[in-house]
PDB file of N, CA and C in Angstrom:
ATOM      1  N   MET A   1     -13.001  25.845   6.034  1.00  0.00           N
ATOM      2  CA  MET A   1     -12.928  25.809   4.253  1.00  0.00           C
ATOM      3  C   MET A   1     -11.950  25.201   3.900  1.00  0.00           C
ATOM      4  N   GLU A   2     -11.256  24.316   2.933  1.00  0.00           N
ATOM      5  CA  GLU A   2     -10.444  24.642   2.502  1.00  0.00           C
ATOM      6  C   GLU A   2     -10.612  24.566   0.748  1.00  0.00           C
ATOM      7  N   GLN A   3      -9.486  26.059   0.040  1.00  0.00           N
ATOM      8  CA  GLN A   3     -10.106  25.659  -1.574  1.00  0.00           C
ATOM      9  C   GLN A   3      -9.634  24.893  -2.053  1.00  0.00           C
ATOM     10  N   ILE A   4      -9.145  23.335  -2.587  1.00  0.00           N
ATOM     11  CA  ILE A   4      -8.235  23.118  -3.019  1.00  0.00           C
ATOM     12  C   ILE A   4      -7.787  23.097  -4.451  1.00  0.00           C
ATOM     13  N   THR A   5      -8.608  22.956  -4.889  1.00  0.00           N
ATOM     14  CA  THR A   5      -8.453  23.517  -7.046  1.00  0.00           C
ATOM     15  C   THR A   5      -9.862  24.164  -7.025  1.00  0.00           C
ATOM     16  N   ALA A   6     -10.530  25.318  -8.220  1.00  0.00           N
ATOM     17  CA  ALA A   6     -11.191  26.030  -8.389  1.00  0.00           C
ATOM     18  C   ALA A   6     -12.331  25.250  -8.269  1.00  0.00           C
ATOM     19  N   ARG A   7     -12.165  24.456  -7.852  1.00  0.00           N
ATOM     20  CA  ARG A   7     -13.626  23.363  -8.797  1.00  0.00           C
ATOM     21  C   ARG A   7     -13.508  22.452  -7.349  1.00  0.00           C
ATOM     22  N   LEU A   8     -12.870  22.459  -6.770  1.00  0.00           N
ATOM     23  CA  LEU A   8     -12.676  21.481  -5.276  1.00  0.00           C
ATOM     24  C   LEU A   8     -12.636  22.049  -4.223  1.00  0.00           C
ATOM     25  N   MET A   9     -13.975  22.144  -3.118  1.00  0.00           N
ATOM     26  CA  MET A   9     -13.890  22.511  -1.731  1.00  0.00           C
ATOM     27  C   MET A   9     -13.710  21.291  -0.563  1.00  0.00           C
ATOM     28  N   ASN A  10     -13.084  21.982  -0.103  1.00  0.00           N
ATOM     29  CA  ASN A  10     -12.892  20.634   1.454  1.00  0.00           C
ATOM     30  C   ASN A  10     -13.344  21.252   2.877  1.00  0.00           C
ATOM     31  N   TRP A  11     -14.194  21.293   3.241  1.00  0.00           N
ATOM     32  CA  TRP A  11     -14.701  20.650   4.653  1.00  0.00           C
ATOM     33  C   TRP A  11     -14.255  19.381   5.718  1.00  0.00           C
ATOM     34  N   ALA A  12     -13.677  18.871   5.188  1.00  0.00           N
ATOM     35  CA  ALA A  12     -12.925  18.016   5.871  1.00  0.00           C
ATOM     36  C   ALA A  12     -12.016  18.067   6.546  1.00  0.00           C
ATOM     37  N   SER A  13     -11.928  18.060   8.563  1.00  0.00           N
ATOM     38  CA  SER A  13     -10.317  18.510   8.544  1.00  0.00           C
ATOM     39  C   SER A  13      -9.436  17.575   8.590  1.00  0.00           C
ATOM     40  N   ILE A  14      -9.742  15.712   8.084  1.00  0.00           N
ATOM     41  CA  ILE A  14      -8.520  14.820   7.906  1.00  0.00           C
ATOM     42  C   ILE A  14      -9.438  14.153   6.258  1.00  0.00           C
ATOM     43  N   LEU A  15      -7.774  14.995   6.071  1.00  0.00           N
ATOM     44  CA  LEU A  15      -8.169  14.101   4.395  1.00  0.00           C
ATOM     45  C   LEU A  15      -6.519  13.619   4.370  1.00  0.00           C
ATOM     46  N   ASP A  16      -7.360  12.464   3.378  1.00  0.00           N
ATOM     47  CA  ASP A  16      -5.565  11.305   3.606  1.00  0.00           C
ATOM     48  C   ASP A  16      -5.500  11.698   1.820  1.00  0.00           C
ATOM     49  N   GLY A  17      -3.988  12.079   1.245  1.00  0.00           N
ATOM     50  CA  GLY A  17      -3.814  11.911   0.070  1.00  0.00           C
ATOM     51  C   GLY A  17      -3.928  10.544  -0.373  1.00  0.00           C
ATOM     52  N   GLN A  18      -5.198   9.998  -1.123  1.00  0.00           N
ATOM     53  CA  GLN A  18      -5.871   8.920  -1.952  1.00  0.00           C
ATOM     54  C   GLN A  18      -7.568   9.504  -2.059  1.00  0.00           C
ATOM     55  N   THR A  19      -8.108  10.181  -0.957  1.00  0.00           N
ATOM     56  CA  THR A  19      -9.406  10.500  -0.932  1.00  0.00           C
ATOM     57  C   THR A  19      -9.502  12.012  -1.572  1.00  0.00           C
ATOM     58  N   ARG A  20      -8.332  13.092  -0.902  1.00  0.00           N
ATOM     59  CA  ARG A  20      -7.161  13.427  -2.253  1.00  0.00           C
ATOM     60  C   ARG A  20      -7.944  13.491  -3.488  1.00  0.00           C
ATOM     61  N   ALA A  21      -6.846  12.774  -3.615  1.00  0.00           N
ATOM     62  CA  ALA A  21      -7.194  12.731  -5.067  1.00  0.00           C
ATOM     63  C   ALA A  21      -7.946  11.462  -5.750  1.00  0.00           C
ATOM     64  N   GLN A  22      -8.802  11.218  -5.551  1.00  0.00           N
ATOM     65  CA  GLN A  22     -10.227  10.921  -5.719  1.00  0.00           C
ATOM     66  C   GLN A  22     -11.087  12.269  -6.246  1.00  0.00           C
ATOM     67  N   ALA A  23     -10.872  12.543  -5.234  1.00  0.00           N
ATOM     68  CA  ALA A  23     -11.901  13.867  -5.936  1.00  0.00           C
ATOM     69  C   ALA A  23     -11.412  14.600  -6.672  1.00  0.00           C
ATOM     70  N   GLU A  24      -9.645  15.271  -7.004  1.00  0.00           N
ATOM     71  CA  GLU A  24      -9.695  15.764  -7.779  1.00  0.00           C
ATOM     72  C   GLU A  24      -9.779  15.527  -8.929  1.00  0.00           C
ATOM     73  N   THR A  25      -9.578  13.911  -9.521  1.00  0.00           N
ATOM     74  CA  THR A  25     -10.030  13.467 -10.745  1.00  0.00           C
ATOM     75  C   THR A  25     -11.603  13.523 -11.010  1.00  0.00           C
ATOM     76  N   THR A  26     -12.038  13.825  -9.677  1.00  0.00           N
ATOM     77  CA  THR A  26     -14.105  13.916  -9.837  1.00  0.00           C
ATOM     78  C   THR A  26     -13.899  15.185 -10.464  1.00  0.00           C
ATOM     79  N   ALA A  27     -13.171  15.998  -9.833  1.00  0.00           N
ATOM     80  CA  ALA A  27     -13.714  17.507  -9.690  1.00  0.00           C
ATOM     81  C   ALA A  27     -13.542  18.084 -11.290  1.00  0.00           C
ATOM     82  N   ALA A  28     -12.160  17.344 -11.836  1.00  0.00           N
ATOM     83  CA  ALA A  28     -11.847  17.884 -12.746  1.00  0.00           C
ATOM     84  C   ALA A  28     -13.151  17.025 -14.265  1.00  0.00           C
ATOM     85  N   MET A  29     -13.679  16.401 -13.926  1.00  0.00           N
ATOM     86  CA  MET A  29     -14.470  15.906 -14.955  1.00  0.00           C
ATOM     87  C   MET A  29     -15.712  17.674 -16.188  1.00  0.00           C
ATOM     88  N   PRO A  30     -15.651  17.802 -16.926  1.00  0.00           N
ATOM     89  CA  PRO A  30     -16.018  18.815 -17.282  1.00  0.00           C
ATOM     90  C   PRO A  30     -16.893  18.953 -17.226  1.00  0.00           C
ATOM     91  N   PHE A  31     -18.684  18.092 -16.994  1.00  0.00           N
ATOM     92  CA  PHE A  31     -19.377  17.909 -16.485  1.00  0.00           C
ATOM     93  C   PHE A  31     -19.910  18.855 -15.122  1.00  0.00           C
ATOM     94  N   VAL A  32     -18.701  18.410 -14.570  1.00  0.00           N
ATOM     95  CA  VAL A  32     -19.134  18.627 -13.333  1.00  0.00           C
ATOM     96  C   VAL A  32     -18.961  20.391 -12.726  1.00  0.00           C
ATOM     97  N   PHE A  33     -19.852  20.893 -12.075  1.00  0.00           N
ATOM     98  CA  PHE A  33     -20.648  21.922 -12.339  1.00  0.00           C
ATOM     99  C   PHE A  33     -20.992  22.944 -10.659  1.00  0.00           C
ATOM    100  N   PRO A  34     -21.111  23.400 -10.358  1.00  0.00           N
ATOM    101  CA  PRO A  34     -19.897  24.101 -10.450  1.00  0.00           C
ATOM    102  C   PRO A  34     -18.040  24.361  -9.180  1.00  0.00           C
ATOM    103  N   HIS A  35     -18.780  23.332  -7.974  1.00  0.00           N
ATOM    104  CA  HIS A  35     -17.477  22.928  -8.039  1.00  0.00           C
ATOM    105  C   HIS A  35     -17.840  21.533  -7.301  1.00  0.00           C
ATOM    106  N   VAL A  36     -17.093  19.923  -7.144  1.00  0.00           N
ATOM    107  CA  VAL A  36     -16.999  19.277  -5.950  1.00  0.00           C
ATOM    108  C   VAL A  36     -17.129  20.006  -4.540  1.00  0.00           C
ATOM    109  N   ALA A  37     -17.351  18.868  -3.478  1.00  0.00           N
ATOM    110  CA  ALA A  37     -17.137  19.410  -2.297  1.00  0.00           C
ATOM    111  C   ALA A  37     -17.293  18.383  -1.322  1.00  0.00           C
ATOM    112  N   LEU A  38     -16.070  18.630  -0.400  1.00  0.00           N
ATOM    113  CA  LEU A  38     -16.124  17.366   0.403  1.00  0.00           C
ATOM    114  C   LEU A  38     -16.438  18.056   1.412  1.00  0.00           C
ATOM    115  N   MET A  39     -17.439  17.020   2.726  1.00  0.00           N
ATOM    116  CA  MET A  39     -18.138  17.042   3.210  1.00  0.00           C
ATOM    117  C   MET A  39     -17.376  16.640   4.285  1.00  0.00           C
ATOM    118  N   PRO A  40     -17.650  16.150   5.885  1.00  0.00           N
ATOM    119  CA  PRO A  40     -16.446  16.120   7.501  1.00  0.00           C
ATOM    120  C   PRO A  40     -16.018  15.209   6.772  1.00  0.00           C
ATOM    121  N   ASP A  41     -16.824  14.215   6.809  1.00  0.00           N
ATOM    122  CA  ASP A  41     -17.308  12.431   6.272  1.00  0.00           C
ATOM    123  C   ASP A  41     -15.885  11.966   4.931  1.00  0.00           C
ATOM    124  N   ALA A  42     -16.254  13.098   4.214  1.00  0.00           N
ATOM    125  CA  ALA A  42     -15.200  12.638   3.296  1.00  0.00           C
ATOM    126  C   ALA A  42     -14.076  11.356   3.032  1.00  0.00           C
ATOM    127  N   HIS A  43     -14.138  10.546   2.657  1.00  0.00           N
ATOM    128  CA  HIS A  43     -12.755   9.193   2.575  1.00  0.00           C
ATOM    129  C   HIS A  43     -12.929   8.342   0.871  1.00  0.00           C
ATOM    130  N   LEU A  44     -12.159   7.916   0.475  1.00  0.00           N
ATOM    131  CA  LEU A  44     -12.251   7.081  -0.433  1.00  0.00           C
ATOM    132  C   LEU A  44     -13.410   5.514  -0.402  1.00  0.00           C
ATOM    133  N   GLY A  45     -13.500   6.507  -1.392  1.00  0.00           N
ATOM    134  CA  GLY A  45     -14.781   5.187  -1.983  1.00  0.00           C
ATOM    135  C   GLY A  45     -14.206   4.588  -2.803  1.00  0.00           C
ATOM    136  N   LYS A  46     -15.223   3.537  -3.905  1.00  0.00           N
ATOM    137  CA  LYS A  46     -14.930   1.886  -4.542  1.00  0.00           C
ATOM    138  C   LYS A  46     -14.899   3.704  -6.032  1.00  0.00           C
ATOM    139  N   SER A  47     -15.765   4.250  -6.326  1.00  0.00           N
ATOM    140  CA  SER A  47     -15.831   4.888  -7.643  1.00  0.00           C
ATOM    141  C   SER A  47     -15.586   6.150  -7.691  1.00  0.00           C
ATOM    142  N   ALA A  48     -16.319   7.011  -6.421  1.00  0.00           N
ATOM    143  CA  ALA A  48     -16.332   8.615  -5.808  1.00  0.00           C
ATOM    144  C   ALA A  48     -16.031   8.625  -4.422  1.00  0.00           C
ATOM    145  N   THR A  49     -15.592   9.610  -3.827  1.00  0.00           N
ATOM    146  CA  THR A  49     -15.513   9.878  -3.028  1.00  0.00           C
ATOM    147  C   THR A  49     -17.466   9.827  -1.995  1.00  0.00           C
ATOM    148  N   VAL A  50     -16.596   8.858  -0.946  1.00  0.00           N
ATOM    149  CA  VAL A  50     -17.609   8.751  -0.042  1.00  0.00           C
ATOM    150  C   VAL A  50     -17.764  10.496   0.909  1.00  0.00           C
ATOM    151  N   GLY A  51     -18.848  10.828   1.246  1.00  0.00           N
ATOM    152  CA  GLY A  51     -18.885  12.197   1.197  1.00  0.00           C
ATOM    153  C   GLY A  51     -18.496  13.291   1.034  1.00  0.00           C
ATOM    154  N   SER A  52     -18.616  12.886  -0.580  1.00  0.00           N
ATOM    155  CA  SER A  52     -18.251  14.618  -1.374  1.00  0.00           C
ATOM    156  C   SER A  52     -21.213  14.414  -1.404  1.00  0.00           C
ATOM    157  N   VAL A  53     -20.746  16.068  -2.431  1.00  0.00           N
ATOM    158  CA  VAL A  53     -21.328  16.398  -2.963  1.00  0.00           C
ATOM    159  C   VAL A  53     -20.632  16.398  -4.374  1.00  0.00           C
ATOM    160  N   ILE A  54     -21.320  16.414  -5.769  1.00  0.00           N
ATOM    161  CA  ILE A  54     -21.111  15.959  -6.725  1.00  0.00           C
ATOM    162  C   ILE A  54     -21.368  16.841  -7.891  1.00  0.00           C
ATOM    163  N   PRO A  55     -22.469  17.877  -7.563  1.00  0.00           N
ATOM    164  CA  PRO A  55     -23.231  18.790  -9.083  1.00  0.00           C
ATOM    165  C   PRO A  55     -23.111  18.623  -9.771  1.00  0.00           C
ATOM    166  N   THR A  56     -23.388  18.596 -11.322  1.00  0.00           N
ATOM    167  CA  THR A  56     -23.626  17.426 -12.620  1.00  0.00           C
ATOM    168  C   THR A  56     -24.171  18.932 -13.253  1.00  0.00           C
ATOM    169  N   LEU A  57     -23.591  18.317 -14.763  1.00  0.00           N
ATOM    170  CA  LEU A  57     -24.528  19.821 -15.854  1.00  0.00           C
ATOM    171  C   LEU A  57     -25.119  18.798 -16.752  1.00  0.00           C
ATOM    172  N   GLY A  58     -25.898  18.136 -17.079  1.00  0.00           N
ATOM    173  CA  GLY A  58     -26.113  17.842 -18.255  1.00  0.00           C
ATOM    174  C   GLY A  58     -25.346  15.734 -18.582  1.00  0.00           C
ATOM    175  N   ALA A  59     -25.126  15.058 -17.413  1.00  0.00           N
ATOM    176  CA  ALA A  59     -24.626  14.596 -16.892  1.00  0.00           C
ATOM    177  C   ALA A  59     -25.056  14.663 -14.818  1.00  0.00           C
ATOM    178  N   ILE A  60     -25.770  12.601 -15.292  1.00  0.00           N
ATOM    179  CA  ILE A  60     -25.435  12.112 -13.828  1.00  0.00           C
ATOM    180  C   ILE A  60     -24.524  10.784 -13.619  1.00  0.00           C
ATOM    181  N   ILE A  61     -24.519  10.788 -12.966  1.00  0.00           N
ATOM    182  CA  ILE A  61     -22.586   9.368 -12.855  1.00  0.00           C
ATOM    183  C   ILE A  61     -23.200   8.761 -11.198  1.00  0.00           C
ATOM    184  N   PRO A  62     -24.407   7.293 -11.862  1.00  0.00           N
ATOM    185  CA  PRO A  62     -24.714   6.706 -10.647  1.00  0.00           C
ATOM    186  C   PRO A  62     -23.533   5.676  -9.928  1.00  0.00           C
ATOM    187  N   ALA A  63     -23.076   5.790 -10.341  1.00  0.00           N
ATOM    188  CA  ALA A  63     -22.160   5.111  -9.254  1.00  0.00           C
ATOM    189  C   ALA A  63     -21.597   6.091  -7.951  1.00  0.00           C
ATOM    190  N   ALA A  64     -21.620   6.784  -7.853  1.00  0.00           N
ATOM    191  CA  ALA A  64     -20.710   8.424  -7.029  1.00  0.00           C
ATOM    192  C   ALA A  64     -21.907   8.578  -5.737  1.00  0.00           C
ATOM    193  N   ILE A  65     -23.077   7.792  -5.972  1.00  0.00           N
ATOM    194  CA  ILE A  65     -24.083   7.500  -5.096  1.00  0.00           C
ATOM    195  C   ILE A  65     -24.391   6.449  -4.672  1.00  0.00           C
ATOM    196  N   GLY A  66     -25.022   5.713  -3.425  1.00  0.00           N
ATOM    197  CA  GLY A  66     -25.405   4.767  -2.940  1.00  0.00           C
ATOM    198  C   GLY A  66     -24.009   3.102  -2.280  1.00  0.00           C
ATOM    199  N   VAL A  67     -23.021   3.741  -2.611  1.00  0.00           N
ATOM    200  CA  VAL A  67     -21.850   3.051  -2.410  1.00  0.00           C
ATOM    201  C   VAL A  67     -21.760   2.753  -0.796  1.00  0.00           C
ATOM    202  N   ASP A  68     -21.660   4.337   0.104  1.00  0.00           N
ATOM    203  CA  ASP A  68     -21.021   4.013   1.275  1.00  0.00           C
ATOM    204  C   ASP A  68     -22.513   5.068   1.858  1.00  0.00           C
ATOM    205  N   ILE A  69     -23.892   5.084   1.361  1.00  0.00           N
ATOM    206  CA  ILE A  69     -24.190   6.004   2.211  1.00  0.00           C
ATOM    207  C   ILE A  69     -24.740   6.586   3.884  1.00  0.00           C
ATOM    208  N   GLY A  70     -25.260   7.217   4.103  1.00  0.00           N
ATOM    209  CA  GLY A  70     -25.010   7.489   5.679  1.00  0.00           C
ATOM    210  C   GLY A  70     -24.325   6.467   6.034  1.00  0.00           C
ATOM    211  N   CYS A  71     -22.640   6.598   6.258  1.00  0.00           N
ATOM    212  CA  CYS A  71     -22.207   5.557   6.581  1.00  0.00           C
ATOM    213  C   CYS A  71     -21.410   5.762   7.916  1.00  0.00           C
ATOM    214  N   GLY A  72     -21.937   6.927   8.288  1.00  0.00           N
ATOM    215  CA  GLY A  72     -22.075   7.376  10.019  1.00  0.00           C
ATOM    216  C   GLY A  72     -22.367   9.065   9.809  1.00  0.00           C
ATOM    217  N   MET A  73     -22.368  10.039   9.527  1.00  0.00           N
ATOM    218  CA  MET A  73     -22.008  10.988   9.744  1.00  0.00           C
ATOM    219  C   MET A  73     -23.166  11.483  10.357  1.00  0.00           C
ATOM    220  N   ILE A  74     -23.482  12.485  10.843  1.00  0.00           N
ATOM    221  CA  ILE A  74     -24.332  12.718  12.183  1.00  0.00           C
ATOM    222  C   ILE A  74     -23.963  14.128  12.473  1.00  0.00           C
ATOM    223  N   ALA A  75     -25.021  15.241  12.318  1.00  0.00           N
ATOM    224  CA  ALA A  75     -24.626  16.402  13.074  1.00  0.00           C
ATOM    225  C   ALA A  75     -25.676  16.766  14.819  1.00  0.00           C
ATOM    226  N   VAL A  76     -25.030  17.349  15.405  1.00  0.00           N
ATOM    227  CA  VAL A  76     -25.633  17.453  16.720  1.00  0.00           C
ATOM    228  C   VAL A  76     -25.491  18.366  17.244  1.00  0.00           C
ATOM    229  N   ARG A  77     -26.793  19.136  18.164  1.00  0.00           N
ATOM    230  CA  ARG A  77     -26.844  20.179  18.282  1.00  0.00           C
ATOM    231  C   ARG A  77     -26.174  20.140  19.688  1.00  0.00           C
ATOM    232  N   THR A  78     -24.963  21.201  20.330  1.00  0.00           N
ATOM    233  CA  THR A  78     -24.974  20.534  21.528  1.00  0.00           C
ATOM    234  C   THR A  78     -25.525  22.192  22.416  1.00  0.00           C
ATOM    235  N   GLN A  79     -24.910  22.350  23.314  1.00  0.00           N
ATOM    236  CA  GLN A  79     -25.645  23.435  24.534  1.00  0.00           C
ATOM    237  C   GLN A  79     -23.975  24.163  24.439  1.00  0.00           C
ATOM    238  N   PHE A  80     -23.024  23.587  23.659  1.00  0.00           N
ATOM    239  CA  PHE A  80     -21.464  24.726  23.780  1.00  0.00           C
ATOM    240  C   PHE A  80     -21.748  25.583  22.961  1.00  0.00           C
ATOM    241  N   THR A  81     -21.038  26.250  23.126  1.00  0.00           N
ATOM    242  CA  THR A  81     -21.075  27.449  21.740  1.00  0.00           C
ATOM    243  C   THR A  81     -19.006  27.426  21.190  1.00  0.00           C
ATOM    244  N   GLU A  82     -18.978  28.721  20.297  1.00  0.00           N
ATOM    245  CA  GLU A  82     -16.819  27.971  19.995  1.00  0.00           C
ATOM    246  C   GLU A  82     -16.819  28.527  21.041  1.00  0.00           C
ATOM    247  N   ASP A  83     -16.842  29.875  22.232  1.00  0.00           N
ATOM    248  CA  ASP A  83     -16.408  30.244  22.823  1.00  0.00           C
ATOM    249  C   ASP A  83     -16.311  28.974  24.058  1.00  0.00           C
ATOM    250  N   ASP A  84     -16.854  28.219  24.675  1.00  0.00           N
ATOM    251  CA  ASP A  84     -16.797  27.042  25.739  1.00  0.00           C
ATOM    252  C   ASP A  84     -16.051  26.387  25.396  1.00  0.00           C
ATOM    253  N   LEU A  85     -14.914  25.651  24.230  1.00  0.00           N
ATOM    254  CA  LEU A  85     -14.484  24.635  23.639  1.00  0.00           C
ATOM    255  C   LEU A  85     -12.796  26.026  23.856  1.00  0.00           C
ATOM    256  N   PRO A  86     -11.894  24.274  24.011  1.00  0.00           N
ATOM    257  CA  PRO A  86     -10.364  25.470  23.857  1.00  0.00           C
ATOM    258  C   PRO A  86     -10.200  25.662  22.851  1.00  0.00           C
ATOM    259  N   PRO A  87      -8.996  26.740  22.376  1.00  0.00           N
ATOM    260  CA  PRO A  87      -8.501  27.358  20.901  1.00  0.00           C
ATOM    261  C   PRO A  87      -8.498  25.828  20.054  1.00  0.00           C
ATOM    262  N   ASP A  88      -7.326  24.394  21.060  1.00  0.00           N
ATOM    263  CA  ASP A  88      -6.833  23.430  20.453  1.00  0.00           C
ATOM    264  C   ASP A  88      -8.043  22.506  20.873  1.00  0.00           C
ATOM    265  N   ARG A  89      -8.268  22.013  19.837  1.00  0.00           N
ATOM    266  CA  ARG A  89      -9.157  21.472  20.470  1.00  0.00           C
ATOM    267  C   ARG A  89      -9.551  19.631  20.218  1.00  0.00           C
ATOM    268  N   ARG A  90      -8.510  19.080  20.056  1.00  0.00           N
ATOM    269  CA  ARG A  90      -7.456  18.144  19.991  1.00  0.00           C
ATOM    270  C   ARG A  90      -8.471  17.161  20.592  1.00  0.00           C
ATOM    271  N   ALA A  91      -8.381  17.699  22.337  1.00  0.00           N
ATOM    272  CA  ALA A  91      -8.339  16.899  23.438  1.00  0.00           C
ATOM    273  C   ALA A  91     -10.033  16.381  23.158  1.00  0.00           C
ATOM    274  N   VAL A  92     -10.701  17.703  23.278  1.00  0.00           N
ATOM    275  CA  VAL A  92     -12.415  17.401  22.722  1.00  0.00           C
ATOM    276  C   VAL A  92     -12.523  16.221  21.578  1.00  0.00           C
ATOM    277  N   ARG A  93     -11.156  16.453  20.600  1.00  0.00           N
ATOM    278  CA  ARG A  93     -12.112  15.708  19.311  1.00  0.00           C
ATOM    279  C   ARG A  93     -12.063  13.713  20.235  1.00  0.00           C
ATOM    280  N   GLU A  94     -10.747  14.303  20.606  1.00  0.00           N
ATOM    281  CA  GLU A  94     -10.509  12.727  20.852  1.00  0.00           C
ATOM    282  C   GLU A  94     -11.548  11.797  21.322  1.00  0.00           C
ATOM    283  N   LEU A  95     -11.687  12.883  22.689  1.00  0.00           N
ATOM    284  CA  LEU A  95     -12.854  12.415  23.619  1.00  0.00           C
ATOM    285  C   LEU A  95     -13.977  11.266  23.080  1.00  0.00           C
ATOM    286  N   ILE A  96     -14.503  12.412  22.021  1.00  0.00           N
ATOM    287  CA  ILE A  96     -16.156  12.354  21.082  1.00  0.00           C
ATOM    288  C   ILE A  96     -15.323  11.071  20.377  1.00  0.00           C
ATOM    289  N   GLU A  97     -14.652  10.492  19.508  1.00  0.00           N
ATOM    290  CA  GLU A  97     -13.425   9.689  18.995  1.00  0.00           C
ATOM    291  C   GLU A  97     -14.519   8.075  19.735  1.00  0.00           C
ATOM    292  N   ARG A  98     -13.758   8.462  20.591  1.00  0.00           N
ATOM    293  CA  ARG A  98     -13.547   7.078  21.689  1.00  0.00           C
ATOM    294  C   ARG A  98     -14.988   7.151  22.206  1.00  0.00           C
ATOM    295  N   ALA A  99     -16.111   7.748  22.445  1.00  0.00           N
ATOM    296  CA  ALA A  99     -17.822   8.314  23.238  1.00  0.00           C
ATOM    297  C   ALA A  99     -18.330   7.478  21.357  1.00  0.00           C
ATOM    298  N   ILE A 100     -17.906   7.317  20.474  1.00  0.00           N
ATOM    299  CA  ILE A 100     -18.691   6.800  19.789  1.00  0.00           C
ATOM    300  C   ILE A 100     -18.152   5.832  18.540  1.00  0.00           C
ATOM    301  N   PRO A 101     -19.062   5.159  18.235  1.00  0.00           N
ATOM    302  CA  PRO A 101     -19.026   3.999  17.564  1.00  0.00           C
ATOM    303  C   PRO A 101     -18.186   4.462  15.786  1.00  0.00           C
ATOM    304  N   LEU A 102     -17.716   4.046  15.818  1.00  0.00           N
ATOM    305  CA  LEU A 102     -17.399   4.477  14.476  1.00  0.00           C
ATOM    306  C   LEU A 102     -16.333   2.832  13.546  1.00  0.00           C
ATOM    307  N   SER A 103     -17.286   3.848  12.024  1.00  0.00           N
ATOM    308  CA  SER A 103     -17.698   2.502  11.176  1.00  0.00           C
ATOM    309  C   SER A 103     -18.869   1.499  11.532  1.00  0.00           C
ATOM    310  N   GLY A 104     -19.899   1.520  11.022  1.00  0.00           N
ATOM    311  CA  GLY A 104     -21.645   0.828  11.198  1.00  0.00           C
ATOM    312  C   GLY A 104     -21.749  -0.687  10.241  1.00  0.00           C
ATOM    313  N   GLY A 105     -20.349  -0.627   9.709  1.00  0.00           N
ATOM    314  CA  GLY A 105     -20.039  -2.061   9.445  1.00  0.00           C
ATOM    315  C   GLY A 105     -19.565  -3.179  10.421  1.00  0.00           C
ATOM    316  N   ALA A 106     -18.326  -3.812   9.713  1.00  0.00           N
ATOM    317  CA  ALA A 106     -17.679  -5.376   9.450  1.00  0.00           C
ATOM    318  C   ALA A 106     -16.621  -4.755  10.888  1.00  0.00           C
ATOM    319  N   ARG A 107     -15.885  -3.495  11.525  1.00  0.00           N
ATOM    320  CA  ARG A 107     -14.926  -2.548  12.401  1.00  0.00           C
ATOM    321  C   ARG A 107     -16.165  -2.131  13.632  1.00  0.00           C
ATOM    322  N   ASN A 108     -17.096  -1.908  13.468  1.00  0.00           N
ATOM    323  CA  ASN A 108     -17.760  -1.918  14.998  1.00  0.00           C
ATOM    324  C   ASN A 108     -18.397  -3.264  15.388  1.00  0.00           C
ATOM    325  N   THR A 109     -17.271  -3.258  16.309  1.00  0.00           N
ATOM    326  CA  THR A 109     -18.090  -5.241  16.978  1.00  0.00           C
ATOM    327  C   THR A 109     -18.848  -4.534  18.254  1.00  0.00           C
ATOM    328  N   THR A 110     -18.705  -3.235  18.651  1.00  0.00           N
ATOM    329  CA  THR A 110     -19.572  -2.630  19.938  1.00  0.00           C
ATOM    330  C   THR A 110     -20.512  -1.833  19.694  1.00  0.00           C
ATOM    331  N   ILE A 111     -22.084  -2.410  20.141  1.00  0.00           N
ATOM    332  CA  ILE A 111     -22.844  -1.650  20.747  1.00  0.00           C
ATOM    333  C   ILE A 111     -22.790  -0.411  21.595  1.00  0.00           C
ATOM    334  N   ARG A 112     -23.212   0.366  21.292  1.00  0.00           N
ATOM    335  CA  ARG A 112     -23.299   1.541  22.976  1.00  0.00           C
ATOM    336  C   ARG A 112     -24.906   2.365  23.129  1.00  0.00           C
TER     337      ARG A 112
END
């Protein structure tokens, strides 16, 4: 976990500049409490960062949900533990990325 600001926590391993800026803007809103949390699938959204948790006090942000809900984030329990994986997990991540189709929408042309 990375604490970007006092009111922005990040669990995404890859976070581009536009996504970060969008999340920082949201986290700076006075009714956000206690902080915005970026999940591992965080990416730039139309009005709010997709893959973020935005708790508020006394406010509802309708545009913050529903634009890209369920866009492909899933947790899968495996038999592996941290000790089973190499210290540099890049090769493992790249194998997973090649095996699992990304983008449930227009860019996903292959069904596996």
